[in-house]
PDB file of N, CA and C in Angstrom:
ATOM      1  N   MET A   1    -129.337 -74.301  83.992  1.00  0.00           N
ATOM      2  CA  MET A   1    -129.463 -73.033  84.635  1.00  0.00           C
ATOM      3  C   MET A   1    -129.817 -73.217  86.113  1.00  0.00           C
ATOM      4  N   ILE A   2    -130.775 -74.059  86.404  1.00  0.00           N
ATOM      5  CA  ILE A   2    -131.177 -74.276  87.792  1.00  0.00           C
ATOM      6  C   ILE A   2    -130.026 -74.890  88.579  1.00  0.00           C
ATOM      7  N   THR A   3    -129.314 -75.835  87.990  1.00  0.00           N
ATOM      8  CA  THR A   3    -128.168 -76.445  88.665  1.00  0.00           C
ATOM      9  C   THR A   3    -127.153 -75.375  89.035  1.00  0.00           C
ATOM     10  N   GLU A   4    -126.867 -74.460  88.135  1.00  0.00           N
ATOM     11  CA  GLU A   4    -125.902 -73.393  88.421  1.00  0.00           C
ATOM     12  C   GLU A   4    -126.379 -72.505  89.552  1.00  0.00           C
ATOM     13  N   LEU A   5    -127.657 -72.182  89.588  1.00  0.00           N
ATOM     14  CA  LEU A   5    -128.187 -71.356  90.676  1.00  0.00           C
ATOM     15  C   LEU A   5    -128.088 -72.083  92.013  1.00  0.00           C
ATOM     16  N   VAL A   6    -128.434 -73.350  92.010  1.00  0.00           N
ATOM     17  CA  VAL A   6    -128.363 -74.145  93.242  1.00  0.00           C
ATOM     18  C   VAL A   6    -126.914 -74.254  93.713  1.00  0.00           C
ATOM     19  N   GLN A   7    -126.004 -74.551  92.807  1.00  0.00           N
ATOM     20  CA  GLN A   7    -124.589 -74.678  93.172  1.00  0.00           C
ATOM     21  C   GLN A   7    -124.010 -73.369  93.692  1.00  0.00           C
ATOM     22  N   ALA A   8    -124.539 -72.248  93.211  1.00  0.00           N
ATOM     23  CA  ALA A   8    -124.068 -70.942  93.672  1.00  0.00           C
ATOM     24  C   ALA A   8    -124.712 -70.546  95.004  1.00  0.00           C
ATOM     25  N   GLY A   9    -125.613 -71.379  95.508  1.00  0.00           N
ATOM     26  CA  GLY A   9    -126.222 -71.140  96.805  1.00  0.00           C
ATOM     27  C   GLY A   9    -127.417 -70.206  96.792  1.00  0.00           C
ATOM     28  N   HIS A  10    -127.974 -69.960  95.623  1.00  0.00           N
ATOM     29  CA  HIS A  10    -129.132 -69.066  95.545  1.00  0.00           C
ATOM     30  C   HIS A  10    -130.384 -69.785  96.030  1.00  0.00           C
ATOM     31  N   ASP A  11    -131.214 -69.044  96.722  1.00  0.00           N
ATOM     32  CA  ASP A  11    -132.495 -69.537  97.202  1.00  0.00           C
ATOM     33  C   ASP A  11    -133.568 -68.703  96.515  1.00  0.00           C
ATOM     34  N   PHE A  12    -134.626 -69.324  96.053  1.00  0.00           N
ATOM     35  CA  PHE A  12    -135.661 -68.574  95.355  1.00  0.00           C
ATOM     36  C   PHE A  12    -137.014 -69.211  95.578  1.00  0.00           C
ATOM     37  N   ASP A  13    -138.045 -68.366  95.433  1.00  0.00           N
ATOM     38  CA  ASP A  13    -139.430 -68.791  95.645  1.00  0.00           C
ATOM     39  C   ASP A  13    -140.168 -69.093  94.351  1.00  0.00           C
ATOM     40  N   ALA A  14    -139.656 -68.567  93.232  1.00  0.00           N
ATOM     41  CA  ALA A  14    -140.292 -68.743  91.932  1.00  0.00           C
ATOM     42  C   ALA A  14    -139.245 -68.487  90.863  1.00  0.00           C
ATOM     43  N   VAL A  15    -139.556 -68.922  89.671  1.00  0.00           N
ATOM     44  CA  VAL A  15    -138.709 -68.657  88.507  1.00  0.00           C
ATOM     45  C   VAL A  15    -139.577 -67.918  87.497  1.00  0.00           C
ATOM     46  N   VAL A  16    -139.074 -66.795  87.012  1.00  0.00           N
ATOM     47  CA  VAL A  16    -139.764 -66.018  85.988  1.00  0.00           C
ATOM     48  C   VAL A  16    -138.953 -66.125  84.714  1.00  0.00           C
ATOM     49  N   LEU A  17    -139.616 -66.508  83.621  1.00  0.00           N
ATOM     50  CA  LEU A  17    -138.876 -66.627  82.369  1.00  0.00           C
ATOM     51  C   LEU A  17    -139.748 -66.319  81.177  1.00  0.00           C
ATOM     52  N   ALA A  18    -139.080 -65.901  80.106  1.00  0.00           N
ATOM     53  CA  ALA A  18    -139.756 -65.653  78.836  1.00  0.00           C
ATOM     54  C   ALA A  18    -139.957 -66.986  78.128  1.00  0.00           C
ATOM     55  N   VAL A  19    -141.076 -67.111  77.454  1.00  0.00           N
ATOM     56  CA  VAL A  19    -141.380 -68.347  76.730  1.00  0.00           C
ATOM     57  C   VAL A  19    -141.487 -68.050  75.245  1.00  0.00           C
ATOM     58  N   GLY A  20    -140.821 -68.856  74.466  1.00  0.00           N
ATOM     59  CA  GLY A  20    -140.959 -68.818  73.013  1.00  0.00           C
ATOM     60  C   GLY A  20    -141.492 -70.169  72.579  1.00  0.00           C
ATOM     61  N   GLY A  21    -140.576 -71.053  72.209  1.00  0.00           N
ATOM     62  CA  GLY A  21    -140.964 -72.390  71.780  1.00  0.00           C
ATOM     63  C   GLY A  21    -141.131 -73.388  72.909  1.00  0.00           C
ATOM     64  N   GLY A  22    -140.669 -73.039  74.095  1.00  0.00           N
ATOM     65  CA  GLY A  22    -140.870 -73.894  75.258  1.00  0.00           C
ATOM     66  C   GLY A  22    -139.656 -74.677  75.722  1.00  0.00           C
ATOM     67  N   GLY A  23    -138.533 -74.580  75.020  1.00  0.00           N
ATOM     68  CA  GLY A  23    -137.343 -75.321  75.414  1.00  0.00           C
ATOM     69  C   GLY A  23    -136.782 -74.880  76.756  1.00  0.00           C
ATOM     70  N   LEU A  24    -136.671 -73.580  76.962  1.00  0.00           N
ATOM     71  CA  LEU A  24    -136.167 -73.065  78.233  1.00  0.00           C
ATOM     72  C   LEU A  24    -137.099 -73.459  79.367  1.00  0.00           C
ATOM     73  N   LEU A  25    -138.384 -73.306  79.155  1.00  0.00           N
ATOM     74  CA  LEU A  25    -139.376 -73.700  80.160  1.00  0.00           C
ATOM     75  C   LEU A  25    -139.224 -75.171  80.521  1.00  0.00           C
ATOM     76  N   SER A  26    -139.094 -76.020  79.532  1.00  0.00           N
ATOM     77  CA  SER A  26    -138.940 -77.461  79.772  1.00  0.00           C
ATOM     78  C   SER A  26    -137.684 -77.744  80.585  1.00  0.00           C
ATOM     79  N   GLY A  27    -136.586 -77.103  80.233  1.00  0.00           N
ATOM     80  CA  GLY A  27    -135.331 -77.311  80.943  1.00  0.00           C
ATOM     81  C   GLY A  27    -135.368 -76.810  82.375  1.00  0.00           C
ATOM     82  N   VAL A  28    -136.014 -75.678  82.585  1.00  0.00           N
ATOM     83  CA  VAL A  28    -136.121 -75.124  83.941  1.00  0.00           C
ATOM     84  C   VAL A  28    -136.931 -76.047  84.829  1.00  0.00           C
ATOM     85  N   VAL A  29    -138.054 -76.524  84.339  1.00  0.00           N
ATOM     86  CA  VAL A  29    -138.882 -77.433  85.146  1.00  0.00           C
ATOM     87  C   VAL A  29    -138.106 -78.714  85.444  1.00  0.00           C
ATOM     88  N   GLU A  30    -137.401 -79.253  84.472  1.00  0.00           N
ATOM     89  CA  GLU A  30    -136.590 -80.457  84.701  1.00  0.00           C
ATOM     90  C   GLU A  30    -135.530 -80.179  85.766  1.00  0.00           C
ATOM     91  N   GLY A  31    -134.883 -79.026  85.682  1.00  0.00           N
ATOM     92  CA  GLY A  31    -133.874 -78.662  86.675  1.00  0.00           C
ATOM     93  C   GLY A  31    -134.462 -78.538  88.073  1.00  0.00           C
ATOM     94  N   LEU A  32    -135.613 -77.929  88.178  1.00  0.00           N
ATOM     95  CA  LEU A  32    -136.271 -77.812  89.484  1.00  0.00           C
ATOM     96  C   LEU A  32    -136.567 -79.192  90.054  1.00  0.00           C
ATOM     97  N   ARG A  33    -137.113 -80.057  89.251  1.00  0.00           N
ATOM     98  CA  ARG A  33    -137.441 -81.407  89.713  1.00  0.00           C
ATOM     99  C   ARG A  33    -136.188 -82.184  90.097  1.00  0.00           C
ATOM    100  N   MET A  34    -135.136 -82.026  89.311  1.00  0.00           N
ATOM    101  CA  MET A  34    -133.884 -82.734  89.557  1.00  0.00           C
ATOM    102  C   MET A  34    -133.283 -82.355  90.919  1.00  0.00           C
ATOM    103  N   HIS A  35    -133.550 -81.139  91.355  1.00  0.00           N
ATOM    104  CA  HIS A  35    -132.992 -80.651  92.617  1.00  0.00           C
ATOM    105  C   HIS A  35    -134.023 -80.653  93.746  1.00  0.00           C
ATOM    106  N   GLY A  36    -135.085 -81.421  93.584  1.00  0.00           N
ATOM    107  CA  GLY A  36    -136.087 -81.532  94.643  1.00  0.00           C
ATOM    108  C   GLY A  36    -136.877 -80.255  94.866  1.00  0.00           C
ATOM    109  N   MET A  37    -136.988 -79.444  93.820  1.00  0.00           N
ATOM    110  CA  MET A  37    -137.676 -78.162  93.926  1.00  0.00           C
ATOM    111  C   MET A  37    -138.933 -78.153  93.063  1.00  0.00           C
ATOM    112  N   GLY A  38    -139.555 -79.299  92.934  1.00  0.00           N
ATOM    113  CA  GLY A  38    -140.704 -79.440  92.053  1.00  0.00           C
ATOM    114  C   GLY A  38    -141.932 -78.647  92.455  1.00  0.00           C
ATOM    115  N   LYS A  39    -141.933 -78.083  93.644  1.00  0.00           N
ATOM    116  CA  LYS A  39    -143.070 -77.274  94.099  1.00  0.00           C
ATOM    117  C   LYS A  39    -142.900 -75.791  93.778  1.00  0.00           C
ATOM    118  N   ILE A  40    -141.727 -75.398  93.291  1.00  0.00           N
ATOM    119  CA  ILE A  40    -141.481 -73.987  92.992  1.00  0.00           C
ATOM    120  C   ILE A  40    -142.214 -73.615  91.703  1.00  0.00           C
ATOM    121  N   PRO A  41    -143.053 -72.571  91.763  1.00  0.00           N
ATOM    122  CA  PRO A  41    -143.795 -72.177  90.572  1.00  0.00           C
ATOM    123  C   PRO A  41    -142.908 -71.499  89.532  1.00  0.00           C
ATOM    124  N   VAL A  42    -143.344 -71.614  88.297  1.00  0.00           N
ATOM    125  CA  VAL A  42    -142.682 -70.950  87.173  1.00  0.00           C
ATOM    126  C   VAL A  42    -143.677 -69.958  86.591  1.00  0.00           C
ATOM    127  N   ILE A  43    -143.241 -68.712  86.485  1.00  0.00           N
ATOM    128  CA  ILE A  43    -144.058 -67.677  85.863  1.00  0.00           C
ATOM    129  C   ILE A  43    -143.608 -67.595  84.405  1.00  0.00           C
ATOM    130  N   ALA A  44    -144.462 -68.023  83.501  1.00  0.00           N
ATOM    131  CA  ALA A  44    -144.148 -68.094  82.076  1.00  0.00           C
ATOM    132  C   ALA A  44    -144.712 -66.856  81.391  1.00  0.00           C
ATOM    133  N   VAL A  45    -143.821 -66.000  80.899  1.00  0.00           N
ATOM    134  CA  VAL A  45    -144.228 -64.713  80.338  1.00  0.00           C
ATOM    135  C   VAL A  45    -144.075 -64.716  78.815  1.00  0.00           C
ATOM    136  N   GLU A  46    -145.134 -64.282  78.152  1.00  0.00           N
ATOM    137  CA  GLU A  46    -145.121 -64.134  76.694  1.00  0.00           C
ATOM    138  C   GLU A  46    -145.672 -62.757  76.353  1.00  0.00           C
ATOM    139  N   THR A  47    -145.328 -62.273  75.175  1.00  0.00           N
ATOM    140  CA  THR A  47    -145.948 -61.037  74.713  1.00  0.00           C
ATOM    141  C   THR A  47    -147.245 -61.369  73.980  1.00  0.00           C
ATOM    142  N   GLU A  48    -148.203 -60.455  74.088  1.00  0.00           N
ATOM    143  CA  GLU A  48    -149.451 -60.622  73.341  1.00  0.00           C
ATOM    144  C   GLU A  48    -149.094 -60.694  71.858  1.00  0.00           C
ATOM    145  N   GLY A  49    -149.693 -61.623  71.170  1.00  0.00           N
ATOM    146  CA  GLY A  49    -149.402 -61.804  69.754  1.00  0.00           C
ATOM    147  C   GLY A  49    -148.322 -62.837  69.491  1.00  0.00           C
ATOM    148  N   ALA A  50    -147.671 -63.286  70.567  1.00  0.00           N
ATOM    149  CA  ALA A  50    -146.683 -64.376  70.489  1.00  0.00           C
ATOM    150  C   ALA A  50    -146.895 -65.265  71.708  1.00  0.00           C
ATOM    151  N   ASP A  51    -148.143 -65.565  71.983  1.00  0.00           N
ATOM    152  CA  ASP A  51    -148.552 -66.192  73.245  1.00  0.00           C
ATOM    153  C   ASP A  51    -149.168 -67.579  73.050  1.00  0.00           C
ATOM    154  N   ALA A  52    -148.438 -68.422  72.355  1.00  0.00           N
ATOM    155  CA  ALA A  52    -148.950 -69.765  72.049  1.00  0.00           C
ATOM    156  C   ALA A  52    -149.201 -70.589  73.304  1.00  0.00           C
ATOM    157  N   LEU A  53    -148.324 -70.481  74.307  1.00  0.00           N
ATOM    158  CA  LEU A  53    -148.532 -71.251  75.541  1.00  0.00           C
ATOM    159  C   LEU A  53    -149.748 -70.733  76.285  1.00  0.00           C
ATOM    160  N   PHE A  54    -149.839 -69.432  76.461  1.00  0.00           N
ATOM    161  CA  PHE A  54    -150.975 -68.836  77.163  1.00  0.00           C
ATOM    162  C   PHE A  54    -152.293 -69.253  76.504  1.00  0.00           C
ATOM    163  N   GLN A  55    -152.357 -69.107  75.182  1.00  0.00           N
ATOM    164  CA  GLN A  55    -153.590 -69.466  74.476  1.00  0.00           C
ATOM    165  C   GLN A  55    -153.876 -70.965  74.569  1.00  0.00           C
ATOM    166  N   SER A  56    -152.839 -71.786  74.553  1.00  0.00           N
ATOM    167  CA  SER A  56    -153.028 -73.235  74.676  1.00  0.00           C
ATOM    168  C   SER A  56    -153.623 -73.591  76.030  1.00  0.00           C
ATOM    169  N   VAL A  57    -153.090 -72.990  77.072  1.00  0.00           N
ATOM    170  CA  VAL A  57    -153.605 -73.265  78.424  1.00  0.00           C
ATOM    171  C   VAL A  57    -155.060 -72.806  78.525  1.00  0.00           C
ATOM    172  N   GLN A  58    -155.344 -71.634  77.974  1.00  0.00           N
ATOM    173  CA  GLN A  58    -156.727 -71.136  78.003  1.00  0.00           C
ATOM    174  C   GLN A  58    -157.673 -72.061  77.245  1.00  0.00           C
ATOM    175  N   ALA A  59    -157.213 -72.602  76.119  1.00  0.00           N
ATOM    176  CA  ALA A  59    -158.056 -73.461  75.277  1.00  0.00           C
ATOM    177  C   ALA A  59    -158.131 -74.897  75.789  1.00  0.00           C
ATOM    178  N   GLY A  60    -157.188 -75.295  76.639  1.00  0.00           N
ATOM    179  CA  GLY A  60    -157.161 -76.668  77.117  1.00  0.00           C
ATOM    180  C   GLY A  60    -156.598 -77.644  76.102  1.00  0.00           C
ATOM    181  N   ALA A  61    -155.948 -77.125  75.086  1.00  0.00           N
ATOM    182  CA  ALA A  61    -155.321 -77.950  74.047  1.00  0.00           C
ATOM    183  C   ALA A  61    -154.268 -77.099  73.353  1.00  0.00           C
ATOM    184  N   GLN A  62    -153.296 -77.764  72.768  1.00  0.00           N
ATOM    185  CA  GLN A  62    -152.246 -77.034  72.080  1.00  0.00           C
ATOM    186  C   GLN A  62    -152.797 -76.220  70.927  1.00  0.00           C
ATOM    187  N   VAL A  63    -152.423 -74.956  70.883  1.00  0.00           N
ATOM    188  CA  VAL A  63    -152.895 -74.016  69.870  1.00  0.00           C
ATOM    189  C   VAL A  63    -151.736 -73.660  68.948  1.00  0.00           C
ATOM    190  N   THR A  64    -152.026 -73.505  67.685  1.00  0.00           N
ATOM    191  CA  THR A  64    -151.056 -72.990  66.724  1.00  0.00           C
ATOM    192  C   THR A  64    -151.517 -71.604  66.298  1.00  0.00           C
ATOM    193  N   LEU A  65    -150.685 -70.609  66.523  1.00  0.00           N
ATOM    194  CA  LEU A  65    -151.010 -69.250  66.115  1.00  0.00           C
ATOM    195  C   LEU A  65    -150.937 -69.144  64.589  1.00  0.00           C
ATOM    196  N   ASP A  66    -151.790 -68.340  64.015  1.00  0.00           N
ATOM    197  CA  ASP A  66    -151.739 -68.107  62.565  1.00  0.00           C
ATOM    198  C   ASP A  66    -150.448 -67.406  62.177  1.00  0.00           C
ATOM    199  N   ARG A  67    -150.042 -66.450  63.003  1.00  0.00           N
ATOM    200  CA  ARG A  67    -148.804 -65.699  62.763  1.00  0.00           C
ATOM    201  C   ARG A  67    -148.381 -65.036  64.071  1.00  0.00           C
ATOM    202  N   ILE A  68    -147.143 -64.596  64.111  1.00  0.00           N
ATOM    203  CA  ILE A  68    -146.622 -63.860  65.263  1.00  0.00           C
ATOM    204  C   ILE A  68    -146.978 -62.392  65.052  1.00  0.00           C
ATOM    205  N   GLU A  69    -147.666 -61.827  65.997  1.00  0.00           N
ATOM    206  CA  GLU A  69    -148.089 -60.426  65.911  1.00  0.00           C
ATOM    207  C   GLU A  69    -147.532 -59.655  67.099  1.00  0.00           C
ATOM    208  N   SER A  70    -146.228 -59.664  67.221  1.00  0.00           N
ATOM    209  CA  SER A  70    -145.543 -59.021  68.336  1.00  0.00           C
ATOM    210  C   SER A  70    -144.186 -58.556  67.853  1.00  0.00           C
ATOM    211  N   VAL A  71    -143.624 -57.573  68.535  1.00  0.00           N
ATOM    212  CA  VAL A  71    -142.258 -57.158  68.199  1.00  0.00           C
ATOM    213  C   VAL A  71    -141.244 -58.182  68.681  1.00  0.00           C
ATOM    214  N   ALA A  72    -141.658 -59.079  69.531  1.00  0.00           N
ATOM    215  CA  ALA A  72    -140.763 -60.108  70.086  1.00  0.00           C
ATOM    216  C   ALA A  72    -140.644 -61.287  69.126  1.00  0.00           C
ATOM    217  N   THR A  73    -140.243 -61.014  67.911  1.00  0.00           N
ATOM    218  CA  THR A  73    -140.198 -62.066  66.897  1.00  0.00           C
ATOM    219  C   THR A  73    -139.124 -63.106  67.183  1.00  0.00           C
ATOM    220  N   SER A  74    -138.044 -62.732  67.869  1.00  0.00           N
ATOM    221  CA  SER A  74    -137.002 -63.720  68.162  1.00  0.00           C
ATOM    222  C   SER A  74    -137.479 -64.743  69.186  1.00  0.00           C
ATOM    223  N   LEU A  75    -138.442 -64.378  69.994  1.00  0.00           N
ATOM    224  CA  LEU A  75    -139.018 -65.310  70.964  1.00  0.00           C
ATOM    225  C   LEU A  75    -140.253 -66.014  70.421  1.00  0.00           C
ATOM    226  N   GLY A  76    -140.836 -65.449  69.415  1.00  0.00           N
ATOM    227  CA  GLY A  76    -142.118 -65.945  68.953  1.00  0.00           C
ATOM    228  C   GLY A  76    -142.043 -67.323  68.324  1.00  0.00           C
ATOM    229  N   ALA A  77    -143.014 -68.137  68.674  1.00  0.00           N
ATOM    230  CA  ALA A  77    -143.180 -69.451  68.061  1.00  0.00           C
ATOM    231  C   ALA A  77    -144.678 -69.626  67.836  1.00  0.00           C
ATOM    232  N   LYS A  78    -145.053 -70.108  66.673  1.00  0.00           N
ATOM    233  CA  LYS A  78    -146.476 -70.297  66.396  1.00  0.00           C
ATOM    234  C   LYS A  78    -147.094 -71.365  67.288  1.00  0.00           C
ATOM    235  N   GLN A  79    -146.262 -72.287  67.759  1.00  0.00           N
ATOM    236  CA  GLN A  79    -146.742 -73.340  68.662  1.00  0.00           C
ATOM    237  C   GLN A  79    -145.636 -73.660  69.648  1.00  0.00           C
ATOM    238  N   VAL A  80    -146.003 -73.806  70.900  1.00  0.00           N
ATOM    239  CA  VAL A  80    -145.049 -74.209  71.919  1.00  0.00           C
ATOM    240  C   VAL A  80    -144.844 -75.722  71.813  1.00  0.00           C
ATOM    241  N   CYS A  81    -143.678 -76.204  72.182  1.00  0.00           N
ATOM    242  CA  CYS A  81    -143.415 -77.646  72.069  1.00  0.00           C
ATOM    243  C   CYS A  81    -144.375 -78.447  72.952  1.00  0.00           C
ATOM    244  N   ALA A  82    -144.637 -79.662  72.534  1.00  0.00           N
ATOM    245  CA  ALA A  82    -145.594 -80.523  73.239  1.00  0.00           C
ATOM    246  C   ALA A  82    -145.194 -80.738  74.694  1.00  0.00           C
ATOM    247  N   ASN A  83    -143.898 -80.877  74.966  1.00  0.00           N
ATOM    248  CA  ASN A  83    -143.448 -81.099  76.337  1.00  0.00           C
ATOM    249  C   ASN A  83    -143.788 -79.914  77.232  1.00  0.00           C
ATOM    250  N   ALA A  84    -143.550 -78.706  76.743  1.00  0.00           N
ATOM    251  CA  ALA A  84    -143.848 -77.513  77.550  1.00  0.00           C
ATOM    252  C   ALA A  84    -145.339 -77.430  77.850  1.00  0.00           C
ATOM    253  N   TYR A  85    -146.155 -77.685  76.857  1.00  0.00           N
ATOM    254  CA  TYR A  85    -147.599 -77.667  77.102  1.00  0.00           C
ATOM    255  C   TYR A  85    -147.980 -78.738  78.122  1.00  0.00           C
ATOM    256  N   ALA A  86    -147.442 -79.931  77.981  1.00  0.00           N
ATOM    257  CA  ALA A  86    -147.757 -81.022  78.920  1.00  0.00           C
ATOM    258  C   ALA A  86    -147.354 -80.660  80.347  1.00  0.00           C
ATOM    259  N   LEU A  87    -146.255 -79.938  80.498  1.00  0.00           N
ATOM    260  CA  LEU A  87    -145.801 -79.552  81.838  1.00  0.00           C
ATOM    261  C   LEU A  87    -146.788 -78.644  82.550  1.00  0.00           C
ATOM    262  N   THR A  88    -147.605 -77.914  81.799  1.00  0.00           N
ATOM    263  CA  THR A  88    -148.596 -77.040  82.445  1.00  0.00           C
ATOM    264  C   THR A  88    -149.633 -77.855  83.203  1.00  0.00           C
ATOM    265  N   LYS A  89    -149.690 -79.139  82.920  1.00  0.00           N
ATOM    266  CA  LYS A  89    -150.647 -80.016  83.603  1.00  0.00           C
ATOM    267  C   LYS A  89    -150.039 -80.706  84.826  1.00  0.00           C
ATOM    268  N   THR A  90    -148.704 -80.687  84.940  1.00  0.00           N
ATOM    269  CA  THR A  90    -148.049 -81.421  86.028  1.00  0.00           C
ATOM    270  C   THR A  90    -147.180 -80.538  86.926  1.00  0.00           C
ATOM    271  N   HIS A  91    -147.002 -79.288  86.549  1.00  0.00           N
ATOM    272  CA  HIS A  91    -146.175 -78.372  87.334  1.00  0.00           C
ATOM    273  C   HIS A  91    -146.932 -77.057  87.488  1.00  0.00           C
ATOM    274  N   ASP A  92    -146.644 -76.333  88.551  1.00  0.00           N
ATOM    275  CA  ASP A  92    -147.276 -75.033  88.784  1.00  0.00           C
ATOM    276  C   ASP A  92    -146.642 -74.006  87.847  1.00  0.00           C
ATOM    277  N   ILE A  93    -147.229 -73.889  86.658  1.00  0.00           N
ATOM    278  CA  ILE A  93    -146.770 -72.927  85.660  1.00  0.00           C
ATOM    279  C   ILE A  93    -147.873 -71.892  85.505  1.00  0.00           C
ATOM    280  N   ARG A  94    -147.518 -70.663  85.785  1.00  0.00           N
ATOM    281  CA  ARG A  94    -148.478 -69.567  85.748  1.00  0.00           C
ATOM    282  C   ARG A  94    -148.206 -68.724  84.508  1.00  0.00           C
ATOM    283  N   CYS A  95    -149.057 -68.872  83.526  1.00  0.00           N
ATOM    284  CA  CYS A  95    -148.876 -68.182  82.252  1.00  0.00           C
ATOM    285  C   CYS A  95    -149.417 -66.763  82.344  1.00  0.00           C
ATOM    286  N   THR A  96    -148.644 -65.846  81.827  1.00  0.00           N
ATOM    287  CA  THR A  96    -149.089 -64.455  81.777  1.00  0.00           C
ATOM    288  C   THR A  96    -148.591 -63.820  80.489  1.00  0.00           C
ATOM    289  N   ARG A  97    -149.232 -62.721  80.142  1.00  0.00           N
ATOM    290  CA  ARG A  97    -148.845 -61.995  78.934  1.00  0.00           C
ATOM    291  C   ARG A  97    -148.553 -60.548  79.288  1.00  0.00           C
ATOM    292  N   VAL A  98    -147.671 -59.964  78.510  1.00  0.00           N
ATOM    293  CA  VAL A  98    -147.413 -58.536  78.605  1.00  0.00           C
ATOM    294  C   VAL A  98    -147.583 -57.952  77.199  1.00  0.00           C
ATOM    295  N   THR A  99    -147.829 -56.665  77.146  1.00  0.00           N
ATOM    296  CA  THR A  99    -147.916 -56.003  75.855  1.00  0.00           C
ATOM    297  C   THR A  99    -146.507 -55.796  75.308  1.00  0.00           C
ATOM    298  N   ASP A 100    -146.429 -55.503  74.028  1.00  0.00           N
ATOM    299  CA  ASP A 100    -145.134 -55.164  73.438  1.00  0.00           C
ATOM    300  C   ASP A 100    -144.528 -53.970  74.176  1.00  0.00           C
ATOM    301  N   ARG A 101    -145.352 -52.989  74.475  1.00  0.00           N
ATOM    302  CA  ARG A 101    -144.869 -51.794  75.175  1.00  0.00           C
ATOM    303  C   ARG A 101    -144.268 -52.165  76.535  1.00  0.00           C
ATOM    304  N   GLN A 102    -144.941 -53.017  77.293  1.00  0.00           N
ATOM    305  CA  GLN A 102    -144.414 -53.431  78.596  1.00  0.00           C
ATOM    306  C   GLN A 102    -143.087 -54.171  78.438  1.00  0.00           C
ATOM    307  N   ALA A 103    -143.004 -55.025  77.433  1.00  0.00           N
ATOM    308  CA  ALA A 103    -141.759 -55.761  77.203  1.00  0.00           C
ATOM    309  C   ALA A 103    -140.625 -54.811  76.845  1.00  0.00           C
ATOM    310  N   LEU A 104    -140.901 -53.841  75.991  1.00  0.00           N
ATOM    311  CA  LEU A 104    -139.877 -52.875  75.600  1.00  0.00           C
ATOM    312  C   LEU A 104    -139.478 -51.980  76.766  1.00  0.00           C
ATOM    313  N   GLN A 105    -140.445 -51.587  77.586  1.00  0.00           N
ATOM    314  CA  GLN A 105    -140.123 -50.775  78.758  1.00  0.00           C
ATOM    315  C   GLN A 105    -139.240 -51.543  79.739  1.00  0.00           C
ATOM    316  N   GLY A 106    -139.513 -52.814  79.909  1.00  0.00           N
ATOM    317  CA  GLY A 106    -138.683 -53.643  80.781  1.00  0.00           C
ATOM    318  C   GLY A 106    -137.270 -53.765  80.252  1.00  0.00           C
ATOM    319  N   ARG A 107    -137.142 -53.897  78.964  1.00  0.00           N
ATOM    320  CA  ARG A 107    -135.822 -53.990  78.343  1.00  0.00           C
ATOM    321  C   ARG A 107    -135.036 -52.698  78.543  1.00  0.00           C
ATOM    322  N   VAL A 108    -135.680 -51.574  78.284  1.00  0.00           N
ATOM    323  CA  VAL A 108    -135.009 -50.275  78.446  1.00  0.00           C
ATOM    324  C   VAL A 108    -134.622 -50.058  79.903  1.00  0.00           C
ATOM    325  N   ARG A 109    -135.501 -50.362  80.812  1.00  0.00           N
ATOM    326  CA  ARG A 109    -135.254 -50.152  82.240  1.00  0.00           C
ATOM    327  C   ARG A 109    -134.079 -50.986  82.724  1.00  0.00           C
ATOM    328  N   ASN A 110    -133.887 -52.171  82.151  1.00  0.00           N
ATOM    329  CA  ASN A 110    -132.813 -53.050  82.588  1.00  0.00           C
ATOM    330  C   ASN A 110    -131.473 -52.804  81.903  1.00  0.00           C
ATOM    331  N   PHE A 111    -131.465 -52.054  80.806  1.00  0.00           N
ATOM    332  CA  PHE A 111    -130.222 -51.872  80.059  1.00  0.00           C
ATOM    333  C   PHE A 111    -129.754 -50.425  79.992  1.00  0.00           C
ATOM    334  N   VAL A 112    -130.473 -49.532  80.592  1.00  0.00           N
ATOM    335  CA  VAL A 112    -130.056 -48.125  80.537  1.00  0.00           C
ATOM    336  C   VAL A 112    -129.243 -47.779  81.757  1.00  0.00           C
TER     337      VAL A 112
END
């Protein structure tokens, strides 16, 4: 994804992405580093109740959620992959959460 953006000539200050299991996050950070953009921050967004990365960063260790308690079940993962968690220690990854309502409002606003 980052390679395609760079090849298309896009310039950006940050990357905002949804996090589930951490694969997309891992790939984005690798792409940034591959293109000499390792200083660009990544805003990692999860919904409350499906926020394994956010909770892991807060706890200082990988957390496994008991269950997914969010409407974002397709994104939900009880635990983020080890690589994604490790990247929070070596890359500027800013974890944030939104409510289910905020996520749904964003979806409606972008597709109506």
